[in-house]
Amino acid sequence: MLARPHLRDLGRRTAIVRSGACPSFWRNTPRSPWQNGYAERLIGSIRRECLDHVIVFSERHLRHLLLCYMKYYNGARTHLSLEKDAPISRAVELAGHILCRPILGGLHHQYVRI
């Protein structure tokens, strides 16, 4: 599914275009919950797992936090839909000492073998 500006009003409303022979358009109204489940789920995860636990001092600080969380979310965090793997897969290491790496100032941790 792709989100694109609606052809008639080019304002805040967007239309969801389904891929297929004859694309259909649905209007999403701004600030209305439950209209884009993927975006709502991502925003909820960011709020619950990151922003509810820190105090943001500036826009630059917020951008830094979101960038660190994005790297954690795609590289280390496990996802049930991926059979408890991260979107960026990594090899399984069976031997070695376990090292704990703090992420986002210790809010989350990644455990690796060295």
N, C-alpha and C. Protein backbone atom coordinates (compact mmCIF):
# COMPACT_ATOMS: atom_id res chain seq x y z
N MET A 1 0.83 -1.18 0.00
CA MET A 1 0.00 0.00 0.00
C MET A 1 0.88 1.24 0.00
N LEU A 2 0.53 2.20 -0.79
CA LEU A 2 1.26 3.45 -0.87
C LEU A 2 0.35 4.61 -0.47
N ALA A 3 0.90 5.55 0.27
CA ALA A 3 0.13 6.75 0.62
C ALA A 3 0.53 7.86 -0.33
N ARG A 4 -0.43 8.45 -0.99
CA ARG A 4 -0.15 9.53 -1.93
C ARG A 4 -1.15 10.65 -1.73
N PRO A 5 -0.77 11.89 -2.07
CA PRO A 5 -1.75 12.98 -1.96
C PRO A 5 -2.94 12.73 -2.86
N HIS A 6 -4.10 13.10 -2.39
CA HIS A 6 -5.31 12.92 -3.20
C HIS A 6 -5.25 13.88 -4.38
N LEU A 7 -5.74 13.46 -5.50
CA LEU A 7 -5.61 14.25 -6.72
C LEU A 7 -6.43 15.53 -6.70
N ARG A 8 -7.53 15.56 -5.97
CA ARG A 8 -8.41 16.73 -6.04
C ARG A 8 -8.02 17.84 -5.07
N ASP A 9 -7.66 17.50 -3.83
CA ASP A 9 -7.48 18.59 -2.89
C ASP A 9 -6.03 18.84 -2.48
N LEU A 10 -5.10 17.95 -2.68
CA LEU A 10 -3.68 18.15 -2.37
C LEU A 10 -3.45 18.81 -1.02
N GLY A 11 -4.38 18.64 -0.11
CA GLY A 11 -4.24 19.20 1.22
C GLY A 11 -3.70 18.17 2.17
N ARG A 12 -4.25 18.13 3.37
CA ARG A 12 -3.78 17.19 4.38
C ARG A 12 -4.31 15.79 4.16
N ARG A 13 -5.37 15.66 3.44
CA ARG A 13 -5.94 14.33 3.24
C ARG A 13 -5.05 13.51 2.32
N THR A 14 -4.98 12.24 2.58
CA THR A 14 -4.21 11.35 1.73
C THR A 14 -5.12 10.22 1.27
N ALA A 15 -4.70 9.60 0.24
CA ALA A 15 -5.45 8.46 -0.29
C ALA A 15 -4.55 7.25 -0.28
N ILE A 16 -5.09 6.13 0.04
CA ILE A 16 -4.34 4.89 0.03
C ILE A 16 -4.57 4.23 -1.33
N VAL A 17 -3.50 3.94 -1.99
CA VAL A 17 -3.58 3.34 -3.31
C VAL A 17 -3.21 1.87 -3.18
N ARG A 18 -4.14 1.01 -3.52
CA ARG A 18 -3.85 -0.41 -3.52
C ARG A 18 -3.27 -0.79 -4.86
N SER A 19 -2.25 -1.64 -4.80
CA SER A 19 -1.69 -2.09 -6.06
C SER A 19 -2.64 -3.11 -6.68
N GLY A 20 -2.79 -3.05 -7.97
CA GLY A 20 -3.68 -3.96 -8.69
C GLY A 20 -4.01 -3.37 -10.04
N ALA A 21 -4.89 -4.02 -10.75
CA ALA A 21 -5.25 -3.58 -12.09
C ALA A 21 -6.00 -2.25 -12.05
N CYS A 22 -6.88 -2.07 -11.09
CA CYS A 22 -7.67 -0.85 -11.00
C CYS A 22 -7.53 -0.31 -9.57
N PRO A 23 -6.61 0.66 -9.33
CA PRO A 23 -6.40 1.15 -7.97
C PRO A 23 -7.63 1.85 -7.41
N SER A 24 -7.86 1.68 -6.12
CA SER A 24 -8.97 2.32 -5.43
C SER A 24 -8.42 3.39 -4.49
N PHE A 25 -9.23 4.40 -4.20
CA PHE A 25 -8.81 5.49 -3.32
C PHE A 25 -9.71 5.50 -2.10
N TRP A 26 -9.08 5.65 -0.92
CA TRP A 26 -9.82 5.87 0.32
C TRP A 26 -9.27 7.13 0.94
N ARG A 27 -10.14 7.96 1.44
CA ARG A 27 -9.70 9.19 2.08
C ARG A 27 -9.42 8.92 3.55
N ASN A 28 -8.28 9.43 4.00
CA ASN A 28 -7.92 9.42 5.42
C ASN A 28 -8.06 10.84 5.92
N THR A 29 -8.84 11.02 6.94
CA THR A 29 -8.97 12.37 7.49
C THR A 29 -7.84 12.61 8.48
N PRO A 30 -7.37 13.85 8.57
CA PRO A 30 -6.27 14.14 9.49
C PRO A 30 -6.69 13.96 10.94
N ARG A 31 -5.76 13.48 11.76
CA ARG A 31 -5.93 13.30 13.20
C ARG A 31 -7.06 12.34 13.56
N SER A 32 -7.40 11.45 12.69
CA SER A 32 -8.45 10.48 13.03
C SER A 32 -7.78 9.15 13.33
N PRO A 33 -8.05 8.57 14.50
CA PRO A 33 -7.39 7.32 14.86
C PRO A 33 -7.93 6.15 14.05
N TRP A 34 -7.15 5.10 14.02
CA TRP A 34 -7.50 3.82 13.40
C TRP A 34 -7.65 3.87 11.88
N GLN A 35 -7.14 4.88 11.24
CA GLN A 35 -7.27 4.91 9.78
C GLN A 35 -6.03 4.38 9.08
N ASN A 36 -4.88 4.47 9.72
CA ASN A 36 -3.68 3.89 9.14
C ASN A 36 -3.02 3.06 10.22
N GLY A 37 -3.35 1.79 10.27
CA GLY A 37 -2.91 0.91 11.34
C GLY A 37 -1.41 0.76 11.44
N TYR A 38 -0.69 0.76 10.31
CA TYR A 38 0.76 0.60 10.34
C TYR A 38 1.41 1.81 10.99
N ALA A 39 0.99 3.00 10.60
CA ALA A 39 1.57 4.22 11.18
C ALA A 39 1.21 4.33 12.66
N GLU A 40 -0.03 4.00 13.02
CA GLU A 40 -0.45 4.07 14.42
C GLU A 40 0.35 3.09 15.27
N ARG A 41 0.62 1.91 14.75
CA ARG A 41 1.39 0.92 15.48
C ARG A 41 2.82 1.39 15.70
N LEU A 42 3.44 1.95 14.67
CA LEU A 42 4.81 2.43 14.78
C LEU A 42 4.90 3.60 15.76
N ILE A 43 4.00 4.54 15.66
CA ILE A 43 4.01 5.69 16.56
C ILE A 43 3.79 5.23 18.00
N GLY A 44 2.89 4.27 18.21
CA GLY A 44 2.67 3.74 19.54
C GLY A 44 3.91 3.06 20.10
N SER A 45 4.61 2.30 19.27
CA SER A 45 5.85 1.64 19.72
C SER A 45 6.90 2.66 20.09
N ILE A 46 7.05 3.70 19.29
CA ILE A 46 8.04 4.74 19.59
C ILE A 46 7.70 5.42 20.91
N ARG A 47 6.43 5.73 21.11
CA ARG A 47 6.04 6.40 22.36
C ARG A 47 6.23 5.49 23.57
N ARG A 48 5.76 4.23 23.49
CA ARG A 48 5.83 3.32 24.64
C ARG A 48 7.25 2.92 24.98
N GLU A 49 8.07 2.62 23.96
CA GLU A 49 9.38 2.06 24.21
C GLU A 49 10.49 3.09 24.31
N CYS A 50 10.23 4.33 23.90
CA CYS A 50 11.30 5.33 23.89
C CYS A 50 10.90 6.63 24.57
N LEU A 51 9.94 7.32 24.02
CA LEU A 51 9.67 8.69 24.45
C LEU A 51 8.98 8.80 25.80
N ASP A 52 8.29 7.76 26.26
CA ASP A 52 7.65 7.82 27.58
C ASP A 52 8.66 7.72 28.72
N HIS A 53 9.92 7.39 28.41
CA HIS A 53 10.92 7.15 29.45
C HIS A 53 12.02 8.21 29.49
N VAL A 54 11.98 9.19 28.61
CA VAL A 54 13.03 10.21 28.58
C VAL A 54 12.40 11.60 28.55
N ILE A 55 13.20 12.57 28.91
CA ILE A 55 12.79 13.97 28.81
C ILE A 55 13.52 14.56 27.61
N VAL A 56 12.79 15.08 26.66
CA VAL A 56 13.36 15.65 25.45
C VAL A 56 13.62 17.13 25.68
N PHE A 57 14.86 17.56 25.43
CA PHE A 57 15.25 18.94 25.70
C PHE A 57 15.14 19.85 24.49
N SER A 58 15.29 19.32 23.30
CA SER A 58 15.24 20.16 22.10
C SER A 58 14.90 19.29 20.89
N GLU A 59 14.69 19.93 19.77
CA GLU A 59 14.41 19.19 18.54
C GLU A 59 15.61 18.35 18.14
N ARG A 60 16.81 18.89 18.34
CA ARG A 60 18.03 18.14 18.01
C ARG A 60 18.13 16.88 18.88
N HIS A 61 17.82 17.00 20.16
CA HIS A 61 17.83 15.86 21.05
C HIS A 61 16.79 14.82 20.63
N LEU A 62 15.60 15.28 20.25
CA LEU A 62 14.55 14.37 19.79
C LEU A 62 14.99 13.62 18.54
N ARG A 63 15.61 14.33 17.60
CA ARG A 63 16.08 13.67 16.38
C ARG A 63 17.15 12.62 16.70
N HIS A 64 18.03 12.92 17.65
CA HIS A 64 19.06 11.97 18.06
C HIS A 64 18.41 10.73 18.68
N LEU A 65 17.44 10.93 19.57
CA LEU A 65 16.75 9.80 20.20
C LEU A 65 16.05 8.93 19.16
N LEU A 66 15.36 9.57 18.21
CA LEU A 66 14.64 8.80 17.19
C LEU A 66 15.59 8.05 16.27
N LEU A 67 16.74 8.64 15.97
CA LEU A 67 17.73 7.95 15.13
C LEU A 67 18.29 6.74 15.87
N CYS A 68 18.62 6.90 17.15
CA CYS A 68 19.12 5.77 17.95
C CYS A 68 18.05 4.69 18.08
N TYR A 69 16.80 5.09 18.28
CA TYR A 69 15.72 4.10 18.39
C TYR A 69 15.51 3.38 17.06
N MET A 70 15.62 4.10 15.95
CA MET A 70 15.46 3.47 14.64
C MET A 70 16.53 2.41 14.42
N LYS A 71 17.78 2.71 14.80
CA LYS A 71 18.86 1.72 14.66
C LYS A 71 18.59 0.51 15.55
N TYR A 72 18.12 0.74 16.77
CA TYR A 72 17.78 -0.35 17.67
C TYR A 72 16.61 -1.17 17.13
N TYR A 73 15.57 -0.50 16.65
CA TYR A 73 14.35 -1.16 16.17
C TYR A 73 14.64 -2.05 14.97
N ASN A 74 15.49 -1.58 14.06
CA ASN A 74 15.79 -2.35 12.85
C ASN A 74 16.94 -3.34 13.02
N GLY A 75 17.84 -3.09 13.98
CA GLY A 75 19.02 -3.92 14.09
C GLY A 75 19.04 -4.90 15.24
N ALA A 76 18.40 -4.57 16.36
CA ALA A 76 18.55 -5.42 17.54
C ALA A 76 17.22 -5.92 18.10
N ARG A 77 16.16 -5.16 17.97
CA ARG A 77 14.88 -5.53 18.57
C ARG A 77 14.27 -6.70 17.83
N THR A 78 13.78 -7.69 18.59
CA THR A 78 13.16 -8.85 17.96
C THR A 78 11.70 -8.53 17.61
N HIS A 79 11.21 -9.13 16.56
CA HIS A 79 9.84 -8.94 16.08
C HIS A 79 9.16 -10.30 15.99
N LEU A 80 7.97 -10.42 16.55
CA LEU A 80 7.25 -11.69 16.50
C LEU A 80 6.90 -12.10 15.08
N SER A 81 6.58 -11.14 14.23
CA SER A 81 6.20 -11.47 12.86
C SER A 81 7.38 -12.01 12.05
N LEU A 82 8.61 -11.77 12.53
CA LEU A 82 9.81 -12.28 11.86
C LEU A 82 10.39 -13.48 12.61
N GLU A 83 9.55 -14.17 13.37
CA GLU A 83 9.95 -15.33 14.16
C GLU A 83 11.07 -14.98 15.13
N LYS A 84 10.89 -13.90 15.86
CA LYS A 84 11.82 -13.39 16.87
C LYS A 84 13.19 -13.07 16.30
N ASP A 85 13.22 -12.52 15.11
CA ASP A 85 14.44 -12.05 14.49
C ASP A 85 14.28 -10.55 14.25
N ALA A 86 15.38 -9.88 14.03
CA ALA A 86 15.36 -8.45 13.72
C ALA A 86 15.22 -8.27 12.21
N PRO A 87 14.72 -7.11 11.75
CA PRO A 87 14.64 -6.88 10.30
C PRO A 87 15.99 -7.00 9.60
N ILE A 88 17.06 -6.58 10.26
CA ILE A 88 18.40 -6.79 9.74
C ILE A 88 18.93 -8.04 10.44
N SER A 89 18.92 -9.16 9.74
CA SER A 89 19.28 -10.44 10.36
C SER A 89 20.74 -10.46 10.76
N ARG A 90 21.03 -11.28 11.76
CA ARG A 90 22.40 -11.47 12.21
C ARG A 90 22.61 -12.96 12.44
N ALA A 91 23.86 -13.37 12.39
CA ALA A 91 24.19 -14.79 12.56
C ALA A 91 24.09 -15.17 14.03
N VAL A 92 23.77 -16.42 14.28
CA VAL A 92 23.71 -16.95 15.64
C VAL A 92 25.12 -17.33 16.07
N GLU A 93 25.55 -16.80 17.21
CA GLU A 93 26.87 -17.11 17.75
C GLU A 93 26.69 -18.05 18.94
N LEU A 94 27.31 -19.21 18.88
CA LEU A 94 27.09 -20.24 19.89
C LEU A 94 28.14 -20.24 21.00
N ALA A 95 29.31 -19.68 20.77
CA ALA A 95 30.38 -19.72 21.78
C ALA A 95 30.92 -18.31 22.01
N GLY A 96 31.41 -18.09 23.23
CA GLY A 96 32.00 -16.81 23.57
C GLY A 96 31.39 -16.21 24.81
N HIS A 97 32.00 -15.15 25.28
CA HIS A 97 31.50 -14.45 26.46
C HIS A 97 30.36 -13.52 26.05
N ILE A 98 29.39 -13.36 26.93
CA ILE A 98 28.24 -12.50 26.64
C ILE A 98 28.55 -11.09 27.11
N LEU A 99 28.32 -10.14 26.26
CA LEU A 99 28.56 -8.73 26.56
C LEU A 99 27.24 -7.98 26.44
N CYS A 100 26.96 -7.12 27.38
CA CYS A 100 25.72 -6.32 27.38
C CYS A 100 26.05 -4.91 26.87
N ARG A 101 25.36 -4.49 25.83
CA ARG A 101 25.55 -3.14 25.27
C ARG A 101 24.31 -2.30 25.56
N PRO A 102 24.47 -1.20 26.31
CA PRO A 102 23.31 -0.34 26.55
C PRO A 102 22.94 0.45 25.30
N ILE A 103 21.65 0.59 25.08
CA ILE A 103 21.13 1.36 23.95
C ILE A 103 20.20 2.43 24.51
N LEU A 104 20.26 3.61 23.95
CA LEU A 104 19.48 4.76 24.41
C LEU A 104 19.76 5.07 25.88
N GLY A 105 21.04 5.09 26.23
CA GLY A 105 21.43 5.42 27.59
C GLY A 105 21.04 4.38 28.62
N GLY A 106 20.91 3.13 28.22
CA GLY A 106 20.55 2.06 29.14
C GLY A 106 19.07 1.75 29.19
N LEU A 107 18.27 2.43 28.39
CA LEU A 107 16.84 2.16 28.35
C LEU A 107 16.57 0.76 27.81
N HIS A 108 17.34 0.36 26.81
CA HIS A 108 17.26 -0.98 26.23
C HIS A 108 18.68 -1.56 26.24
N HIS A 109 18.79 -2.85 26.11
CA HIS A 109 20.08 -3.52 26.08
C HIS A 109 20.13 -4.53 24.95
N GLN A 110 21.32 -4.68 24.38
CA GLN A 110 21.56 -5.69 23.37
C GLN A 110 22.66 -6.61 23.92
N TYR A 111 22.41 -7.90 23.88
CA TYR A 111 23.37 -8.88 24.37
C TYR A 111 24.03 -9.56 23.19
N VAL A 112 25.36 -9.52 23.16
CA VAL A 112 26.12 -10.12 22.05
C VAL A 112 27.23 -10.99 22.64
N ARG A 113 27.69 -11.93 21.85
CA ARG A 113 28.83 -12.76 22.24
C ARG A 113 30.08 -12.24 21.57
N ILE A 114 31.17 -12.24 22.34
CA ILE A 114 32.46 -11.81 21.77
C ILE A 114 33.48 -12.93 21.91
